[in-house]
N, C-alpha and C. Protein backbone atom coordinates (compact mmCIF):
# COMPACT_ATOMS: atom_id res chain seq x y z
N MET A 1 14.81 10.46 -52.18
CA MET A 1 14.42 10.96 -50.97
C MET A 1 13.31 10.17 -50.25
N ASP A 2 13.50 9.57 -49.11
CA ASP A 2 12.54 8.72 -48.42
C ASP A 2 11.43 9.54 -47.78
N HIS A 3 10.25 9.29 -48.33
CA HIS A 3 9.05 10.02 -47.77
C HIS A 3 8.16 9.19 -46.81
N THR A 4 8.69 8.10 -46.22
CA THR A 4 8.04 7.38 -45.15
C THR A 4 7.65 8.01 -44.00
N ALA A 5 6.50 7.93 -43.54
CA ALA A 5 6.15 8.76 -42.34
C ALA A 5 6.96 8.20 -41.09
N SER A 6 7.42 8.89 -40.33
CA SER A 6 8.11 8.36 -39.01
C SER A 6 7.14 8.61 -37.93
N PRO A 7 7.21 7.63 -37.02
CA PRO A 7 6.14 7.53 -35.86
C PRO A 7 6.43 8.76 -35.07
N LYS A 8 5.27 9.28 -34.61
CA LYS A 8 5.28 10.50 -33.81
C LYS A 8 5.49 10.15 -32.30
N LEU A 9 6.19 10.79 -31.63
CA LEU A 9 6.40 10.61 -30.23
C LEU A 9 5.49 11.38 -29.32
N GLU A 10 4.82 10.64 -28.57
CA GLU A 10 3.79 11.25 -27.66
C GLU A 10 4.29 11.28 -26.35
N VAL A 11 4.29 12.49 -25.64
CA VAL A 11 4.66 12.62 -24.24
C VAL A 11 3.38 12.75 -23.46
N VAL A 12 3.38 11.78 -22.31
CA VAL A 12 2.23 11.96 -21.45
C VAL A 12 2.75 12.26 -19.93
N VAL A 13 2.18 13.11 -19.55
CA VAL A 13 2.53 13.64 -18.09
C VAL A 13 1.49 13.14 -17.03
N ILE A 14 2.05 12.39 -16.08
CA ILE A 14 1.18 12.02 -15.05
C ILE A 14 1.83 12.21 -13.68
N SER A 15 1.09 12.16 -12.51
CA SER A 15 1.60 12.45 -11.26
C SER A 15 2.29 11.19 -10.75
N THR A 16 3.12 11.36 -9.74
CA THR A 16 3.82 10.32 -9.03
C THR A 16 2.78 9.31 -8.55
N ALA A 17 1.63 9.76 -7.92
CA ALA A 17 0.64 8.83 -7.37
C ALA A 17 0.06 8.07 -8.60
N GLN A 18 -0.27 8.62 -9.67
CA GLN A 18 -0.67 7.87 -10.80
C GLN A 18 0.24 6.90 -11.29
N LEU A 19 1.41 7.21 -11.45
CA LEU A 19 2.48 6.26 -11.86
C LEU A 19 2.54 5.17 -10.75
N ARG A 20 2.51 5.44 -9.43
CA ARG A 20 2.53 4.37 -8.41
C ARG A 20 1.42 3.46 -8.56
N GLY A 21 0.24 4.00 -8.91
CA GLY A 21 -0.97 3.16 -9.02
C GLY A 21 -0.77 2.22 -10.16
N LEU A 22 -0.33 2.78 -11.39
CA LEU A 22 -0.07 2.01 -12.61
C LEU A 22 0.87 0.83 -12.35
N ILE A 23 1.93 1.18 -11.62
CA ILE A 23 2.90 0.11 -11.43
C ILE A 23 2.34 -0.82 -10.46
N THR A 24 1.74 -0.44 -9.29
CA THR A 24 1.02 -1.42 -8.38
C THR A 24 0.19 -2.36 -9.15
N ASP A 25 -0.71 -1.89 -10.05
CA ASP A 25 -1.72 -2.63 -10.87
C ASP A 25 -1.05 -3.66 -11.75
N ALA A 26 0.10 -3.24 -12.29
CA ALA A 26 0.74 -4.16 -13.26
C ALA A 26 1.56 -5.23 -12.37
N VAL A 27 2.01 -4.93 -11.25
CA VAL A 27 2.68 -5.97 -10.48
C VAL A 27 1.71 -6.92 -9.89
N ARG A 28 0.51 -6.38 -9.40
CA ARG A 28 -0.51 -7.17 -8.84
C ARG A 28 -1.00 -8.11 -10.00
N GLU A 29 -1.14 -7.69 -11.26
CA GLU A 29 -1.74 -8.55 -12.31
C GLU A 29 -0.68 -9.58 -12.68
N ALA A 30 0.57 -9.28 -12.72
CA ALA A 30 1.69 -10.28 -13.02
C ALA A 30 1.81 -11.41 -11.93
N MET A 31 1.59 -10.85 -10.59
CA MET A 31 1.70 -11.78 -9.47
C MET A 31 0.52 -12.85 -9.41
N SER A 32 -0.74 -12.13 -9.68
CA SER A 32 -1.92 -13.01 -9.68
C SER A 32 -1.90 -13.99 -10.64
N ALA A 33 -1.17 -13.89 -11.73
CA ALA A 33 -1.13 -14.88 -12.89
C ALA A 33 -0.09 -15.95 -12.41
N GLN A 34 0.88 -15.71 -11.49
CA GLN A 34 1.82 -16.70 -11.04
C GLN A 34 1.36 -17.39 -9.90
N ARG A 35 0.51 -17.03 -9.25
CA ARG A 35 0.17 -17.69 -7.94
C ARG A 35 -1.41 -18.26 -7.93
N PRO A 36 -1.65 -19.19 -7.14
CA PRO A 36 -2.99 -19.71 -7.14
C PRO A 36 -3.83 -18.66 -6.47
N THR A 37 -5.12 -18.73 -6.87
CA THR A 37 -6.09 -17.59 -6.43
C THR A 37 -6.80 -17.82 -5.21
N GLU A 38 -6.57 -18.94 -4.51
CA GLU A 38 -7.11 -19.38 -3.22
C GLU A 38 -6.09 -19.36 -2.26
N GLY A 39 -6.59 -19.32 -1.01
CA GLY A 39 -5.73 -19.45 0.21
C GLY A 39 -5.16 -18.16 0.74
N TYR A 40 -4.26 -18.31 1.71
CA TYR A 40 -3.79 -17.27 2.34
C TYR A 40 -2.29 -16.97 1.85
N LEU A 41 -1.95 -15.67 2.02
CA LEU A 41 -0.66 -15.12 1.69
C LEU A 41 0.02 -14.80 3.00
N ASP A 42 1.27 -15.35 3.22
CA ASP A 42 1.99 -15.02 4.41
C ASP A 42 2.49 -13.40 4.37
N THR A 43 3.16 -13.03 5.44
CA THR A 43 3.41 -11.57 5.43
C THR A 43 4.36 -11.18 4.21
N GLU A 44 5.34 -12.05 4.01
CA GLU A 44 6.29 -11.71 2.84
C GLU A 44 5.60 -11.72 1.51
N GLN A 45 4.70 -12.64 1.29
CA GLN A 45 3.91 -12.73 -0.02
C GLN A 45 3.08 -11.58 -0.04
N ALA A 46 2.40 -11.22 1.10
CA ALA A 46 1.37 -10.17 1.01
C ALA A 46 2.18 -8.80 0.77
N ALA A 47 3.32 -8.61 1.31
CA ALA A 47 4.15 -7.40 1.05
C ALA A 47 4.48 -7.42 -0.39
N ALA A 48 4.91 -8.37 -1.01
CA ALA A 48 5.29 -8.45 -2.48
C ALA A 48 4.08 -8.25 -3.37
N TYR A 49 2.94 -8.69 -2.91
CA TYR A 49 1.69 -8.53 -3.65
C TYR A 49 1.24 -6.99 -3.59
N LEU A 50 1.53 -6.29 -2.56
CA LEU A 50 1.07 -4.96 -2.29
C LEU A 50 2.28 -4.00 -2.94
N GLY A 51 3.46 -4.65 -3.26
CA GLY A 51 4.52 -3.88 -3.84
C GLY A 51 5.23 -2.96 -2.79
N THR A 52 5.23 -3.43 -1.48
CA THR A 52 5.97 -2.78 -0.41
C THR A 52 6.81 -3.67 0.37
N THR A 53 7.39 -3.27 1.38
CA THR A 53 8.27 -3.99 2.29
C THR A 53 7.45 -4.74 3.32
N VAL A 54 8.06 -5.79 3.93
CA VAL A 54 7.52 -6.42 5.06
C VAL A 54 7.25 -5.52 6.19
N SER A 55 8.43 -4.67 6.37
CA SER A 55 8.24 -3.58 7.46
C SER A 55 7.10 -2.69 7.36
N SER A 56 6.92 -2.28 6.15
CA SER A 56 5.66 -1.33 6.05
C SER A 56 4.36 -2.05 6.09
N LEU A 57 4.28 -3.31 5.79
CA LEU A 57 3.21 -4.06 5.96
C LEU A 57 2.80 -4.35 7.38
N ARG A 58 3.82 -4.69 8.18
CA ARG A 58 3.74 -4.80 9.66
C ARG A 58 3.26 -3.56 10.38
N THR A 59 3.74 -2.47 9.93
CA THR A 59 3.40 -1.16 10.45
C THR A 59 1.89 -0.87 10.06
N ALA A 60 1.43 -1.16 8.82
CA ALA A 60 0.00 -0.95 8.48
C ALA A 60 -0.82 -1.73 9.43
N VAL A 61 -0.48 -3.06 9.70
CA VAL A 61 -1.20 -3.86 10.73
C VAL A 61 -1.17 -3.30 12.11
N ALA A 62 -0.04 -2.94 12.50
CA ALA A 62 0.15 -2.35 13.92
C ALA A 62 -0.65 -1.03 14.10
N ARG A 63 -0.79 -0.33 13.04
CA ARG A 63 -1.58 0.90 13.29
C ARG A 63 -2.99 0.75 12.88
N GLY A 64 -3.52 -0.41 12.66
CA GLY A 64 -4.92 -0.80 12.45
C GLY A 64 -5.45 -0.50 11.17
N LYS A 65 -4.46 -0.13 10.05
CA LYS A 65 -4.85 0.24 8.77
C LYS A 65 -5.13 -1.00 7.91
N LEU A 66 -4.69 -2.12 8.33
CA LEU A 66 -4.85 -3.41 7.64
C LEU A 66 -4.95 -4.51 8.56
N ALA A 67 -6.13 -5.26 8.61
CA ALA A 67 -6.32 -6.35 9.60
C ALA A 67 -6.11 -7.75 8.86
N PRO A 68 -5.29 -8.55 9.33
CA PRO A 68 -5.01 -9.87 8.73
C PRO A 68 -6.30 -10.62 8.78
N ASP A 69 -6.38 -11.60 7.88
CA ASP A 69 -7.59 -12.49 7.85
C ASP A 69 -7.31 -13.58 8.91
N HIS A 70 -6.05 -13.91 9.24
CA HIS A 70 -5.74 -14.77 10.35
C HIS A 70 -4.56 -14.31 10.99
N ARG A 71 -4.62 -14.24 12.38
CA ARG A 71 -3.46 -13.81 13.11
C ARG A 71 -2.82 -14.95 13.58
N GLY A 72 -1.59 -15.08 13.34
CA GLY A 72 -0.76 -16.18 13.75
C GLY A 72 -0.34 -16.08 15.17
N GLN A 73 -0.12 -17.17 15.85
CA GLN A 73 0.30 -17.29 17.20
C GLN A 73 1.87 -17.57 17.25
N ARG A 74 2.60 -16.80 18.01
CA ARG A 74 3.97 -17.01 18.28
C ARG A 74 4.15 -18.26 19.05
N GLY A 75 4.96 -19.25 18.50
CA GLY A 75 5.14 -20.34 19.33
C GLY A 75 4.20 -21.40 18.99
N GLY A 76 3.11 -21.06 18.23
CA GLY A 76 2.05 -22.04 18.03
C GLY A 76 2.14 -22.52 16.46
N GLY A 77 1.13 -23.17 16.07
CA GLY A 77 1.30 -23.88 14.84
C GLY A 77 1.45 -22.98 13.65
N MET A 78 0.62 -21.98 13.29
CA MET A 78 0.80 -21.12 12.14
C MET A 78 1.38 -19.78 12.82
N LYS A 79 2.77 -19.56 12.40
CA LYS A 79 3.36 -18.36 12.85
C LYS A 79 3.05 -17.30 11.87
N GLY A 80 2.87 -16.02 12.33
CA GLY A 80 2.82 -14.96 11.46
C GLY A 80 1.23 -14.68 10.97
N ASN A 81 1.08 -13.52 10.29
CA ASN A 81 -0.17 -13.20 9.97
C ASN A 81 -0.30 -13.80 8.54
N ARG A 82 -1.79 -14.00 8.11
CA ARG A 82 -2.16 -14.44 6.81
C ARG A 82 -3.14 -13.49 6.22
N PHE A 83 -3.08 -13.27 4.91
CA PHE A 83 -3.95 -12.45 4.31
C PHE A 83 -4.48 -13.07 2.96
N THR A 84 -5.72 -12.71 2.73
CA THR A 84 -6.27 -12.98 1.43
C THR A 84 -6.14 -11.93 0.43
N ARG A 85 -6.19 -12.30 -0.97
CA ARG A 85 -5.90 -11.24 -1.91
C ARG A 85 -7.06 -10.17 -1.81
N LYS A 86 -8.28 -10.72 -1.49
CA LYS A 86 -9.53 -9.88 -1.35
C LYS A 86 -9.27 -8.73 -0.24
N THR A 87 -8.69 -9.11 0.87
CA THR A 87 -8.34 -8.16 1.91
C THR A 87 -7.28 -7.18 1.39
N LEU A 88 -6.28 -7.80 0.69
CA LEU A 88 -5.24 -6.81 0.14
C LEU A 88 -5.66 -5.89 -0.79
N ASP A 89 -6.55 -6.41 -1.75
CA ASP A 89 -7.18 -5.51 -2.82
C ASP A 89 -8.09 -4.38 -2.13
N ALA A 90 -8.74 -4.72 -1.27
CA ALA A 90 -9.68 -3.68 -0.49
C ALA A 90 -8.62 -2.75 0.24
N PHE A 91 -7.58 -3.14 0.89
CA PHE A 91 -6.64 -2.29 1.41
C PHE A 91 -5.94 -1.25 0.45
N ILE A 92 -5.62 -1.80 -0.66
CA ILE A 92 -5.16 -0.85 -1.86
C ILE A 92 -6.12 0.06 -2.29
N ARG A 93 -7.41 -0.22 -2.50
CA ARG A 93 -8.37 0.67 -2.76
C ARG A 93 -8.55 1.74 -1.83
N ARG A 94 -8.63 1.40 -0.51
CA ARG A 94 -8.69 2.45 0.52
C ARG A 94 -7.44 3.39 0.59
N ASP A 95 -6.29 2.81 0.51
CA ASP A 95 -4.95 3.48 0.54
C ASP A 95 -4.89 4.44 -0.63
N SER A 96 -5.36 3.88 -1.87
CA SER A 96 -5.26 4.76 -3.15
C SER A 96 -6.12 5.88 -2.96
N ALA A 97 -7.37 5.62 -2.30
CA ALA A 97 -8.43 6.70 -2.26
C ALA A 97 -7.90 7.75 -1.29
N ALA A 98 -7.26 7.43 -0.19
CA ALA A 98 -6.73 8.37 0.81
C ALA A 98 -5.61 9.24 0.30
N ARG A 99 -4.86 8.67 -0.74
CA ARG A 99 -3.67 9.49 -1.36
C ARG A 99 -4.10 10.60 -2.34
N VAL A 100 -5.39 10.36 -2.89
CA VAL A 100 -5.82 11.30 -3.98
C VAL A 100 -6.13 12.65 -3.52
């Protein structure tokens, strides 16, 4: 008869908001390891960093919830908005606090 102890299964219950926060943190950590820490992120990169869609990011900017660090000029040199990770991290903290 085998008397080796089998590992116990532990079940942890968390809310959807907590799960979303854990996933966002994991994605942000993985992405920061892959990208340089300096400079601007364009809209697509910023959306990926936030774990959201480009459309949702643009909506947040249009509603004044997120201000880009650099506003691009249509038809000019740098098109589209640019964001720093510092700005995006602050947005995540504010957004997470509002959801609690």
